[in-house]
Amino acid sequence: MALVSLKGLLDKASSGGYAVPAFNVNNLETVQAAFQAAQLERSPVILQATEKAGEYAGFDLLSAMVHKAAESALGGPVPAALHLDHGGSVEVVLKAIRNGFTSVMIDGSHLDFDKNIGLTRRVVEVAHPAGVSVEAELGRLGGIEDEVAGEVQLTDPEAAGRFVKETGVDALAVAIGTSHGAYKFRGEPRLRTDLVKRIKDLVNIPLVLHGASSVEKEIVDMAELYGARLKGAKGIPLESIREAIKNGINKINIDTDLRLAFTASIRKVLTESPEEFDPRKILGPARELMVQTMRNKMKVFGSSGKALP
């Protein structure tokens, strides 16, 4: 089926009390994996790309792959959206819209509050007439991933209420203590999931959780067995994810867990079969491990089965 807007997916998730996974895609195998997992789980799915991913693969080529996959038998009946993740300017947003993205994020979280409102409002004014949904961010996450860096600044609920009212955004990414990358915590994870409910009560729109990869131990162990160096890698506990969803999170971004699965599988194949040089036999198993990782997320997030009529 054709790609849909983010708003439709997330409004349904908000009323149903679950979250839709948003998987960062950079190549063909990740696109295929996302649709295959969605089909197997009968789950709605969001495929998203950062500005750097667009530069790497080409916005036009990446978009064409996702659109074609959605319209083919691979896409089937599952609803899917193509989303710009962490758009840094109106120009990048317009580029994504021109290339067929059905949703965009404008990230003004590094700006002061009023400038973030102004930038976000401008994006809403150009995106909504084109039928494109808009996500914004208030507060700052720690860590770094794909050159998205920051120091933690938790989202203030009262500020979030004003922000949504003055911008008209369709979804809001909130900071509750998560961070980008594979090294999210030095000590024990401490997420402010209580903030989610307070924010949701004030804004009444779908909320988004960035930096939410779990950095699964079995995948890290597999990668390290075949030569990776990931000492100290630590992610978000699943119980914290479930609590955040219960309190109002409806979109959860996953990138690091896919990178780890992809890398662990490739390391395994090249180590066990050093004579192999067929890209299909190297990348195919990586795609399958990503499918498994994505299906696990759909089950935890509660989106499995939600693509059914």
C-alpha atoms as a PDB file:
ATOM      1  CA  MET A   1       0.000   0.000   0.000  1.00  0.00           C
ATOM      2  CA  ALA A   2       1.035   3.619  -0.394  1.00  0.00           C
ATOM      3  CA  LEU A   3       2.898   5.316   2.433  1.00  0.00           C
ATOM      4  CA  VAL A   4       0.767   7.149   4.982  1.00  0.00           C
ATOM      5  CA  SER A   5       1.299  10.168   7.225  1.00  0.00           C
ATOM      6  CA  LEU A   6       2.842   9.863  10.652  1.00  0.00           C
ATOM      7  CA  LYS A   7      -0.148  11.576  12.269  1.00  0.00           C
ATOM      8  CA  GLY A   8      -2.558   8.810  11.296  1.00  0.00           C
ATOM      9  CA  LEU A   9      -0.290   6.083  12.662  1.00  0.00           C
ATOM     10  CA  LEU A  10       0.444   7.856  15.926  1.00  0.00           C
ATOM     11  CA  ASP A  11      -3.071   9.105  16.656  1.00  0.00           C
ATOM     12  CA  LYS A  12      -4.233   5.485  16.470  1.00  0.00           C
ATOM     13  CA  ALA A  13      -1.351   4.387  18.690  1.00  0.00           C
ATOM     14  CA  SER A  14      -2.169   7.108  21.211  1.00  0.00           C
ATOM     15  CA  SER A  15      -5.796   6.053  21.491  1.00  0.00           C
ATOM     16  CA  GLY A  16      -4.755   2.379  21.604  1.00  0.00           C
ATOM     17  CA  GLY A  17      -2.036   2.754  24.228  1.00  0.00           C
ATOM     18  CA  TYR A  18       0.893   1.374  22.251  1.00  0.00           C
ATOM     19  CA  ALA A  19       3.952   2.684  20.410  1.00  0.00           C
ATOM     20  CA  VAL A  20       4.956   2.385  16.755  1.00  0.00           C
ATOM     21  CA  PRO A  21       8.633   1.542  16.126  1.00  0.00           C
ATOM     22  CA  ALA A  22      10.611   3.998  14.001  1.00  0.00           C
ATOM     23  CA  PHE A  23      13.619   2.286  12.437  1.00  0.00           C
ATOM     24  CA  ASN A  24      16.476   4.305  10.972  1.00  0.00           C
ATOM     25  CA  VAL A  25      17.294   3.072   7.473  1.00  0.00           C
ATOM     26  CA  ASN A  26      20.474   3.672   5.485  1.00  0.00           C
ATOM     27  CA  ASN A  27      20.459   0.914   2.886  1.00  0.00           C
ATOM     28  CA  LEU A  28      18.386  -1.648   1.009  1.00  0.00           C
ATOM     29  CA  GLU A  29      18.753  -4.403   3.594  1.00  0.00           C
ATOM     30  CA  THR A  30      17.382  -2.273   6.427  1.00  0.00           C
ATOM     31  CA  VAL A  31      14.417  -1.181   4.297  1.00  0.00           C
ATOM     32  CA  GLN A  32      13.662  -4.798   3.409  1.00  0.00           C
ATOM     33  CA  ALA A  33      14.028  -5.878   7.037  1.00  0.00           C
ATOM     34  CA  ALA A  34      11.593  -3.224   8.289  1.00  0.00           C
ATOM     35  CA  PHE A  35       8.842  -4.256   5.890  1.00  0.00           C
ATOM     36  CA  GLN A  36       9.446  -7.959   6.427  1.00  0.00           C
ATOM     37  CA  ALA A  37       9.226  -7.561  10.204  1.00  0.00           C
ATOM     38  CA  ALA A  38       6.078  -5.449   9.867  1.00  0.00           C
ATOM     39  CA  GLN A  39       4.460  -8.086   7.665  1.00  0.00           C
ATOM     40  CA  LEU A  40       5.333 -10.935  10.017  1.00  0.00           C
ATOM     41  CA  GLU A  41       4.083  -9.039  13.066  1.00  0.00           C
ATOM     42  CA  ARG A  42       1.194  -7.297  11.269  1.00  0.00           C
ATOM     43  CA  SER A  43       2.510  -4.076  12.750  1.00  0.00           C
ATOM     44  CA  PRO A  44       2.471  -0.486  11.531  1.00  0.00           C
ATOM     45  CA  VAL A  45       6.017   0.734  10.966  1.00  0.00           C
ATOM     46  CA  ILE A  46       7.953   3.965  10.481  1.00  0.00           C
ATOM     47  CA  LEU A  47      11.066   4.051   8.350  1.00  0.00           C
ATOM     48  CA  GLN A  48      13.136   7.124   9.019  1.00  0.00           C
ATOM     49  CA  ALA A  49      16.341   8.690   7.774  1.00  0.00           C
ATOM     50  CA  THR A  50      18.576  11.432   9.103  1.00  0.00           C
ATOM     51  CA  GLU A  51      20.096  14.144   6.956  1.00  0.00           C
ATOM     52  CA  LYS A  52      23.370  12.175   6.978  1.00  0.00           C
ATOM     53  CA  ALA A  53      21.561   9.053   5.776  1.00  0.00           C
ATOM     54  CA  GLY A  54      20.065  11.089   2.949  1.00  0.00           C
ATOM     55  CA  GLU A  55      23.523  12.322   1.986  1.00  0.00           C
ATOM     56  CA  TYR A  56      24.902   8.779   2.116  1.00  0.00           C
ATOM     57  CA  ALA A  57      22.212   7.001   0.107  1.00  0.00           C
ATOM     58  CA  GLY A  58      20.661   9.989  -1.686  1.00  0.00           C
ATOM     59  CA  PHE A  59      17.299  11.336  -0.531  1.00  0.00           C
ATOM     60  CA  ASP A  60      15.755  10.494  -3.885  1.00  0.00           C
ATOM     61  CA  LEU A  61      17.100   6.939  -4.014  1.00  0.00           C
ATOM     62  CA  LEU A  62      16.290   6.196  -0.373  1.00  0.00           C
ATOM     63  CA  SER A  63      12.771   7.524  -0.778  1.00  0.00           C
ATOM     64  CA  ALA A  64      12.267   5.588  -4.018  1.00  0.00           C
ATOM     65  CA  MET A  65      13.326   2.344  -2.301  1.00  0.00           C
ATOM     66  CA  VAL A  66      10.887   2.863   0.571  1.00  0.00           C
ATOM     67  CA  HIS A  67       7.987   3.880  -1.683  1.00  0.00           C
ATOM     68  CA  LYS A  68       8.564   0.938  -4.029  1.00  0.00           C
ATOM     69  CA  ALA A  69       8.852  -1.516  -1.146  1.00  0.00           C
ATOM     70  CA  ALA A  70       5.629  -0.181   0.400  1.00  0.00           C
ATOM     71  CA  GLU A  71       3.732  -0.569  -2.867  1.00  0.00           C
ATOM     72  CA  SER A  72       5.081  -4.060  -3.597  1.00  0.00           C
ATOM     73  CA  ALA A  73       4.131  -7.418  -2.109  1.00  0.00           C
ATOM     74  CA  LEU A  74       6.821  -6.763   0.513  1.00  0.00           C
ATOM     75  CA  GLY A  75       4.833  -3.815   1.841  1.00  0.00           C
ATOM     76  CA  GLY A  76       1.508  -5.629   1.667  1.00  0.00           C
ATOM     77  CA  PRO A  77      -1.320  -4.328   3.852  1.00  0.00           C
ATOM     78  CA  VAL A  78       0.791  -2.858   6.674  1.00  0.00           C
ATOM     79  CA  PRO A  79       0.638   0.945   7.070  1.00  0.00           C
ATOM     80  CA  ALA A  80       4.054   2.600   6.880  1.00  0.00           C
ATOM     81  CA  ALA A  81       5.402   6.148   6.977  1.00  0.00           C
ATOM     82  CA  LEU A  82       8.673   7.629   5.695  1.00  0.00           C
ATOM     83  CA  HIS A  83      10.003  10.149   8.201  1.00  0.00           C
ATOM     84  CA  LEU A  84      12.869  12.646   8.261  1.00  0.00           C
ATOM     85  CA  ASP A  85      14.702  12.199  11.568  1.00  0.00           C
ATOM     86  CA  HIS A  86      16.405  15.220  13.183  1.00  0.00           C
ATOM     87  CA  GLY A  87      15.951  17.667  10.331  1.00  0.00           C
ATOM     88  CA  GLY A  88      18.169  20.636  11.085  1.00  0.00           C
ATOM     89  CA  SER A  89      16.690  23.358   8.885  1.00  0.00           C
ATOM     90  CA  VAL A  90      13.687  24.371   6.802  1.00  0.00           C
ATOM     91  CA  GLU A  91      15.786  23.685   3.692  1.00  0.00           C
ATOM     92  CA  VAL A  92      16.405  20.055   4.684  1.00  0.00           C
ATOM     93  CA  VAL A  93      12.718  19.628   5.514  1.00  0.00           C
ATOM     94  CA  LEU A  94      11.726  20.950   2.092  1.00  0.00           C
ATOM     95  CA  LYS A  95      14.193  18.583   0.448  1.00  0.00           C
ATOM     96  CA  ALA A  96      12.622  15.648   2.246  1.00  0.00           C
ATOM     97  CA  ILE A  97       9.095  16.749   1.309  1.00  0.00           C
ATOM     98  CA  ARG A  98      10.071  17.169  -2.347  1.00  0.00           C
ATOM     99  CA  ASN A  99      11.473  13.643  -2.276  1.00  0.00           C
ATOM    100  CA  GLY A 100       8.289  12.028  -1.009  1.00  0.00           C
ATOM    101  CA  PHE A 101       8.753  11.854   2.759  1.00  0.00           C
ATOM    102  CA  THR A 102       5.345  11.688   4.441  1.00  0.00           C
ATOM    103  CA  SER A 103       6.582  13.083   7.744  1.00  0.00           C
ATOM    104  CA  VAL A 104       9.397  15.330   8.956  1.00  0.00           C
ATOM    105  CA  MET A 105      11.070  16.174  12.220  1.00  0.00           C
ATOM    106  CA  ILE A 106      12.458  19.624  12.774  1.00  0.00           C
ATOM    107  CA  ASP A 107      14.952  19.575  15.623  1.00  0.00           C
ATOM    108  CA  GLY A 108      15.280  22.977  17.223  1.00  0.00           C
ATOM    109  CA  SER A 109      16.072  21.553  20.653  1.00  0.00           C
ATOM    110  CA  HIS A 110      19.489  23.239  20.634  1.00  0.00           C
ATOM    111  CA  LEU A 111      17.872  26.665  20.248  1.00  0.00           C
ATOM    112  CA  ASP A 112      16.356  28.763  22.990  1.00  0.00           C
ATOM    113  CA  PHE A 113      12.665  28.180  23.597  1.00  0.00           C
ATOM    114  CA  ASP A 114      11.209  31.020  21.523  1.00  0.00           C
ATOM    115  CA  LYS A 115      13.516  30.354  18.561  1.00  0.00           C
ATOM    116  CA  ASN A 116      12.567  26.665  18.674  1.00  0.00           C
ATOM    117  CA  ILE A 117       8.905  27.689  18.539  1.00  0.00           C
ATOM    118  CA  GLY A 118       9.549  30.012  15.592  1.00  0.00           C
ATOM    119  CA  LEU A 119      11.487  27.430  13.582  1.00  0.00           C
ATOM    120  CA  THR A 120       8.950  24.704  14.294  1.00  0.00           C
ATOM    121  CA  ARG A 121       6.020  26.909  13.361  1.00  0.00           C
ATOM    122  CA  ARG A 122       7.632  27.712  10.004  1.00  0.00           C
ATOM    123  CA  VAL A 123       8.035  24.016   9.260  1.00  0.00           C
ATOM    124  CA  VAL A 124       4.422  23.295  10.213  1.00  0.00           C
ATOM    125  CA  GLU A 125       3.305  26.069   7.844  1.00  0.00           C
ATOM    126  CA  VAL A 126       5.098  24.477   4.873  1.00  0.00           C
ATOM    127  CA  ALA A 127       4.524  20.809   5.746  1.00  0.00           C
ATOM    128  CA  HIS A 128       0.857  20.676   6.652  1.00  0.00           C
ATOM    129  CA  PRO A 129      -0.427  22.105   3.336  1.00  0.00           C
ATOM    130  CA  ALA A 130       1.527  19.283   1.628  1.00  0.00           C
ATOM    131  CA  GLY A 131      -0.152  16.656   3.824  1.00  0.00           C
ATOM    132  CA  VAL A 132       3.101  16.003   5.699  1.00  0.00           C
ATOM    133  CA  SER A 133       3.155  15.453   9.465  1.00  0.00           C
ATOM    134  CA  VAL A 134       5.584  17.296  11.745  1.00  0.00           C
ATOM    135  CA  GLU A 135       7.483  16.102  14.805  1.00  0.00           C
ATOM    136  CA  ALA A 136       9.473  18.518  16.957  1.00  0.00           C
ATOM    137  CA  GLU A 137      11.664  18.159  20.026  1.00  0.00           C
ATOM    138  CA  LEU A 138      11.711  19.964  23.349  1.00  0.00           C
ATOM    139  CA  GLY A 139      14.468  19.211  25.828  1.00  0.00           C
ATOM    140  CA  ARG A 140      17.830  17.646  24.988  1.00  0.00           C
ATOM    141  CA  LEU A 141      19.161  14.118  24.962  1.00  0.00           C
ATOM    142  CA  GLY A 142      22.697  13.146  25.838  1.00  0.00           C
ATOM    143  CA  GLY A 143      25.102  10.988  23.819  1.00  0.00           C
ATOM    144  CA  ILE A 144      25.888  11.059  20.135  1.00  0.00           C
ATOM    145  CA  GLU A 145      24.672   9.140  17.121  1.00  0.00           C
ATOM    146  CA  ASP A 146      24.934  10.156  13.472  1.00  0.00           C
ATOM    147  CA  GLU A 147      26.365  13.504  14.570  1.00  0.00           C
ATOM    148  CA  VAL A 148      23.287  14.226  16.725  1.00  0.00           C
ATOM    149  CA  ALA A 149      24.842  15.273  20.023  1.00  0.00           C
ATOM    150  CA  GLY A 150      23.687  16.963  23.182  1.00  0.00           C
ATOM    151  CA  GLU A 151      23.708  17.322  26.931  1.00  0.00           C
ATOM    152  CA  VAL A 152      20.700  16.131  28.892  1.00  0.00           C
ATOM    153  CA  GLN A 153      18.011  18.728  29.565  1.00  0.00           C
ATOM    154  CA  LEU A 154      14.712  17.166  30.619  1.00  0.00           C
ATOM    155  CA  THR A 155      11.500  18.397  29.015  1.00  0.00           C
ATOM    156  CA  ASP A 156       9.478  20.748  31.174  1.00  0.00           C
ATOM    157  CA  PRO A 157       5.753  19.807  31.043  1.00  0.00           C
ATOM    158  CA  GLU A 158       4.453  23.374  31.258  1.00  0.00           C
ATOM    159  CA  ALA A 159       6.816  24.496  28.494  1.00  0.00           C
ATOM    160  CA  ALA A 160       5.692  21.527  26.388  1.00  0.00           C
ATOM    161  CA  GLY A 161       2.065  22.604  26.718  1.00  0.00           C
ATOM    162  CA  ARG A 162       2.851  26.094  25.455  1.00  0.00           C
ATOM    163  CA  PHE A 163       5.128  24.762  22.719  1.00  0.00           C
ATOM    164  CA  VAL A 164       2.490  22.469  21.230  1.00  0.00           C
ATOM    165  CA  LYS A 165      -0.213  25.125  21.434  1.00  0.00           C
ATOM    166  CA  GLU A 166       1.903  27.725  19.633  1.00  0.00           C
ATOM    167  CA  THR A 167       3.384  25.458  16.934  1.00  0.00           C
ATOM    168  CA  GLY A 168       0.596  23.024  16.017  1.00  0.00           C
ATOM    169  CA  VAL A 169       2.978  20.052  15.754  1.00  0.00           C
ATOM    170  CA  ASP A 170       1.583  16.535  15.338  1.00  0.00           C
ATOM    171  CA  ALA A 171       4.056  14.771  17.661  1.00  0.00           C
ATOM    172  CA  LEU A 172       6.555  15.867  20.281  1.00  0.00           C
ATOM    173  CA  ALA A 173       9.863  14.207  21.142  1.00  0.00           C
ATOM    174  CA  VAL A 174      10.564  14.508  24.859  1.00  0.00           C
ATOM    175  CA  ALA A 175      13.710  14.155  26.935  1.00  0.00           C
ATOM    176  CA  ILE A 176      13.304  11.957  30.012  1.00  0.00           C
ATOM    177  CA  GLY A 177      16.883  10.724  30.432  1.00  0.00           C
ATOM    178  CA  THR A 178      17.531   8.609  27.337  1.00  0.00           C
ATOM    179  CA  SER A 179      20.493   9.295  25.049  1.00  0.00           C
ATOM    180  CA  HIS A 180      21.769   8.526  21.580  1.00  0.00           C
ATOM    181  CA  GLY A 181      24.324   5.832  20.866  1.00  0.00           C
ATOM    182  CA  ALA A 182      25.430   2.562  22.483  1.00  0.00           C
ATOM    183  CA  TYR A 183      26.836   4.067  25.687  1.00  0.00           C
ATOM    184  CA  LYS A 184      23.768   5.581  27.323  1.00  0.00           C
ATOM    185  CA  PHE A 185      24.642   5.304  31.014  1.00  0.00           C
ATOM    186  CA  ARG A 186      27.713   5.142  33.209  1.00  0.00           C
ATOM    187  CA  GLY A 187      25.743   3.878  36.195  1.00  0.00           C
ATOM    188  CA  GLU A 188      22.251   2.469  36.531  1.00  0.00           C
ATOM    189  CA  PRO A 189      19.600   3.834  34.126  1.00  0.00           C
ATOM    190  CA  ARG A 190      17.308   6.409  35.690  1.00  0.00           C
ATOM    191  CA  LEU A 191      14.504   7.505  33.380  1.00  0.00           C
ATOM    192  CA  ARG A 192      11.849  10.042  34.361  1.00  0.00           C
ATOM    193  CA  THR A 193       8.911   8.102  32.951  1.00  0.00           C
ATOM    194  CA  ASP A 194       6.665  10.056  35.329  1.00  0.00           C
ATOM    195  CA  LEU A 195       7.334  13.132  33.194  1.00  0.00           C
ATOM    196  CA  VAL A 196       5.735  11.432  30.212  1.00  0.00           C
ATOM    197  CA  LYS A 197       2.309  11.292  31.827  1.00  0.00           C
ATOM    198  CA  ARG A 198       2.507  14.888  33.031  1.00  0.00           C
ATOM    199  CA  ILE A 199       3.460  16.062  29.540  1.00  0.00           C
ATOM    200  CA  LYS A 200       0.826  13.920  27.826  1.00  0.00           C
ATOM    201  CA  ASP A 201      -1.922  15.299  30.050  1.00  0.00           C
ATOM    202  CA  LEU A 202      -0.966  18.831  29.004  1.00  0.00           C
ATOM    203  CA  VAL A 203      -0.307  18.416  25.272  1.00  0.00           C
ATOM    204  CA  ASN A 204      -2.722  15.616  24.322  1.00  0.00           C
ATOM    205  CA  ILE A 205      -0.730  14.620  21.215  1.00  0.00           C
ATOM    206  CA  PRO A 206       1.475  11.572  20.544  1.00  0.00           C
ATOM    207  CA  LEU A 207       4.839  11.668  22.310  1.00  0.00           C
ATOM    208  CA  VAL A 208       8.126  10.353  20.929  1.00  0.00           C
ATOM    209  CA  LEU A 209      11.076   8.700  22.656  1.00  0.00           C
ATOM    210  CA  HIS A 210      14.496   9.086  21.047  1.00  0.00           C
ATOM    211  CA  GLY A 211      17.661   7.263  22.099  1.00  0.00           C
ATOM    212  CA  ALA A 212      15.645   4.214  23.160  1.00  0.00           C
ATOM    213  CA  SER A 213      17.740   1.262  21.928  1.00  0.00           C
ATOM    214  CA  SER A 214      18.168  -1.493  24.513  1.00  0.00           C
ATOM    215  CA  VAL A 215      21.712  -2.466  23.417  1.00  0.00           C
ATOM    216  CA  GLU A 216      20.813  -6.128  23.835  1.00  0.00           C
ATOM    217  CA  LYS A 217      23.460  -8.125  25.657  1.00  0.00           C
ATOM    218  CA  GLU A 218      23.285 -11.162  23.376  1.00  0.00           C
ATOM    219  CA  ILE A 219      23.924  -9.010  20.318  1.00  0.00           C
ATOM    220  CA  VAL A 220      26.788  -7.162  22.000  1.00  0.00           C
ATOM    221  CA  ASP A 221      28.262 -10.493  23.132  1.00  0.00           C
ATOM    222  CA  MET A 222      27.997 -11.845  19.591  1.00  0.00           C
ATOM    223  CA  ALA A 223      29.723  -8.804  18.135  1.00  0.00           C
ATOM    224  CA  GLU A 224      32.502  -8.958  20.713  1.00  0.00           C
ATOM    225  CA  LEU A 225      32.979 -12.694  20.142  1.00  0.00           C
ATOM    226  CA  TYR A 226      33.888 -11.858  16.559  1.00  0.00           C
ATOM    227  CA  GLY A 227      36.185  -8.942  17.308  1.00  0.00           C
ATOM    228  CA  ALA A 228      34.084  -5.894  18.160  1.00  0.00           C
ATOM    229  CA  ARG A 229      35.142  -3.637  21.028  1.00  0.00           C
ATOM    230  CA  LEU A 230      32.022  -2.499  22.861  1.00  0.00           C
ATOM    231  CA  LYS A 231      33.064  -2.499  26.510  1.00  0.00           C
ATOM    232  CA  GLY A 232      30.621  -0.541  28.634  1.00  0.00           C
ATOM    233  CA  ALA A 233      27.806  -0.492  26.053  1.00  0.00           C
ATOM    234  CA  LYS A 234      24.507  -0.129  27.881  1.00  0.00           C
ATOM    235  CA  GLY A 235      20.970   0.650  26.747  1.00  0.00           C
ATOM    236  CA  ILE A 236      17.436   1.280  27.994  1.00  0.00           C
ATOM    237  CA  PRO A 237      15.887  -1.528  30.093  1.00  0.00           C
ATOM    238  CA  LEU A 238      12.734  -2.993  28.563  1.00  0.00           C
ATOM    239  CA  GLU A 239      10.751  -2.359  31.746  1.00  0.00           C
ATOM    240  CA  SER A 240      11.490   1.365  31.388  1.00  0.00           C
ATOM    241  CA  ILE A 241      10.289   1.268  27.786  1.00  0.00           C
ATOM    242  CA  ARG A 242       7.053  -0.435  28.805  1.00  0.00           C
ATOM    243  CA  GLU A 243       6.487   2.129  31.560  1.00  0.00           C
ATOM    244  CA  ALA A 244       7.085   5.002  29.139  1.00  0.00           C
ATOM    245  CA  ILE A 245       4.530   3.546  26.705  1.00  0.00           C
ATOM    246  CA  LYS A 246       2.030   3.081  29.514  1.00  0.00           C
ATOM    247  CA  ASN A 247       2.439   6.759  30.382  1.00  0.00           C
ATOM    248  CA  GLY A 248       1.939   8.065  26.838  1.00  0.00           C
ATOM    249  CA  ILE A 249       4.864   7.374  24.461  1.00  0.00           C
ATOM    250  CA  ASN A 250       3.592   6.433  20.983  1.00  0.00           C
ATOM    251  CA  LYS A 251       6.682   6.484  18.733  1.00  0.00           C
ATOM    252  CA  ILE A 252      10.022   4.964  19.689  1.00  0.00           C
ATOM    253  CA  ASN A 253      13.176   5.505  17.642  1.00  0.00           C
ATOM    254  CA  ILE A 254      15.529   2.564  17.158  1.00  0.00           C
ATOM    255  CA  ASP A 255      18.881   2.919  15.405  1.00  0.00           C
ATOM    256  CA  THR A 256      21.736   1.650  17.589  1.00  0.00           C
ATOM    257  CA  ASP A 257      20.185  -1.803  18.066  1.00  0.00           C
ATOM    258  CA  LEU A 258      19.979  -2.211  14.286  1.00  0.00           C
ATOM    259  CA  ARG A 259      23.575  -1.105  13.789  1.00  0.00           C
ATOM    260  CA  LEU A 260      24.728  -3.585  16.414  1.00  0.00           C
ATOM    261  CA  ALA A 261      22.758  -6.470  14.888  1.00  0.00           C
ATOM    262  CA  PHE A 262      24.000  -5.612  11.392  1.00  0.00           C
ATOM    263  CA  THR A 263      27.616  -5.394  12.547  1.00  0.00           C
ATOM    264  CA  ALA A 264      27.518  -8.511  14.730  1.00  0.00           C
ATOM    265  CA  SER A 265      26.151 -10.624  11.882  1.00  0.00           C
ATOM    266  CA  ILE A 266      28.654  -9.380   9.315  1.00  0.00           C
ATOM    267  CA  ARG A 267      31.547  -9.983  11.714  1.00  0.00           C
ATOM    268  CA  LYS A 268      30.302 -13.534  12.299  1.00  0.00           C
ATOM    269  CA  VAL A 269      30.003 -14.351   8.585  1.00  0.00           C
ATOM    270  CA  LEU A 270      33.404 -12.919   7.676  1.00  0.00           C
ATOM    271  CA  THR A 271      35.098 -14.646  10.602  1.00  0.00           C
ATOM    272  CA  GLU A 272      33.524 -18.046  10.047  1.00  0.00           C
ATOM    273  CA  SER A 273      33.723 -17.900   6.243  1.00  0.00           C
ATOM    274  CA  PRO A 274      36.867 -15.885   5.399  1.00  0.00           C
ATOM    275  CA  GLU A 275      36.680 -17.112   1.815  1.00  0.00           C
ATOM    276  CA  GLU A 276      33.260 -15.477   1.281  1.00  0.00           C
ATOM    277  CA  PHE A 277      33.086 -12.422  -0.967  1.00  0.00           C
ATOM    278  CA  ASP A 278      29.479 -12.534  -2.227  1.00  0.00           C
ATOM    279  CA  PRO A 279      27.742  -9.436  -0.747  1.00  0.00           C
ATOM    280  CA  ARG A 280      24.409 -11.241  -0.744  1.00  0.00           C
ATOM    281  CA  LYS A 281      25.753 -13.982   1.495  1.00  0.00           C
ATOM    282  CA  ILE A 282      27.366 -11.413   3.778  1.00  0.00           C
ATOM    283  CA  LEU A 283      24.470  -8.951   3.997  1.00  0.00           C
ATOM    284  CA  GLY A 284      21.603 -11.471   3.871  1.00  0.00           C
ATOM    285  CA  PRO A 285      22.214 -12.859   7.386  1.00  0.00           C
ATOM    286  CA  ALA A 286      22.588  -9.298   8.674  1.00  0.00           C
ATOM    287  CA  ARG A 287      19.163  -8.485   7.249  1.00  0.00           C
ATOM    288  CA  GLU A 288      17.683 -11.527   8.970  1.00  0.00           C
ATOM    289  CA  LEU A 289      19.116 -10.570  12.358  1.00  0.00           C
ATOM    290  CA  MET A 290      17.693  -7.078  11.940  1.00  0.00           C
ATOM    291  CA  VAL A 291      14.282  -8.620  11.163  1.00  0.00           C
ATOM    292  CA  GLN A 292      14.493 -10.566  14.423  1.00  0.00           C
ATOM    293  CA  THR A 293      15.506  -7.418  16.328  1.00  0.00           C
ATOM    294  CA  MET A 294      12.666  -5.406  14.779  1.00  0.00           C
ATOM    295  CA  ARG A 295      10.061  -8.074  15.541  1.00  0.00           C
ATOM    296  CA  ASN A 296      11.147  -8.113  19.163  1.00  0.00           C
ATOM    297  CA  LYS A 297      10.654  -4.343  19.337  1.00  0.00           C
ATOM    298  CA  MET A 298       7.160  -4.580  17.867  1.00  0.00           C
ATOM    299  CA  LYS A 299       6.162  -7.133  20.483  1.00  0.00           C
ATOM    300  CA  VAL A 300       7.530  -5.051  23.358  1.00  0.00           C
ATOM    301  CA  PHE A 301       6.027  -1.813  22.021  1.00  0.00           C
ATOM    302  CA  GLY A 302       2.589  -3.423  21.646  1.00  0.00           C
ATOM    303  CA  SER A 303       2.294  -2.668  17.917  1.00  0.00           C
ATOM    304  CA  SER A 304       2.158  -6.333  16.818  1.00  0.00           C
ATOM    305  CA  GLY A 305      -1.248  -7.091  15.331  1.00  0.00           C
ATOM    306  CA  LYS A 306      -2.252  -3.430  15.195  1.00  0.00           C
ATOM    307  CA  ALA A 307      -2.057  -3.305  11.371  1.00  0.00           C
ATOM    308  CA  LEU A 308      -5.120  -5.542  11.161  1.00  0.00           C
ATOM    309  CA  PRO A 309      -8.458  -3.882  10.259  1.00  0.00           C
END
